[in-house]
């Protein structure tokens, strides 16, 4: 251990340290008070000598900045369209029209049923709401 006395960094009192070269303060209360004083001093902002009526410079828009913004937007849109899966993309008007035209038809093919004994394919009839077996060439199917 140390044989000589240290001076407390907060209160200035002489003390014998309990730990070698680690102790700066004589007690925990001095250590806490020093930390709080340091924290309080760091929160005080220095005053600036800026006049209140001074006009600030306003940044102007440049063509280079507009071009950079447009190029960045195009790059982000291109990457997002390339990296987005097809099933996660939003529906377009064309997709919606195709679905609407499919639903207007009366007969819809059923793909998970087998044809009947005569080779007729199964279809769902929207008007009668039942399964019917039709030949593939009939009814504009």
Foldseek 3Di string as FASTA:
>chain_A
DDDAWAAAPQPRDTDDDPDPPPDRHRDPVSVVVVVVVVVVVVPDDDDDPDDPPDDDDDDDDDPVNVVVVVVVVVVVVVVVVVPDDPVPDDDDPVNVVVVVVQVVDQWAFDDPDAADPVRFGWTQGPVVRHIDTHHPVPPPD
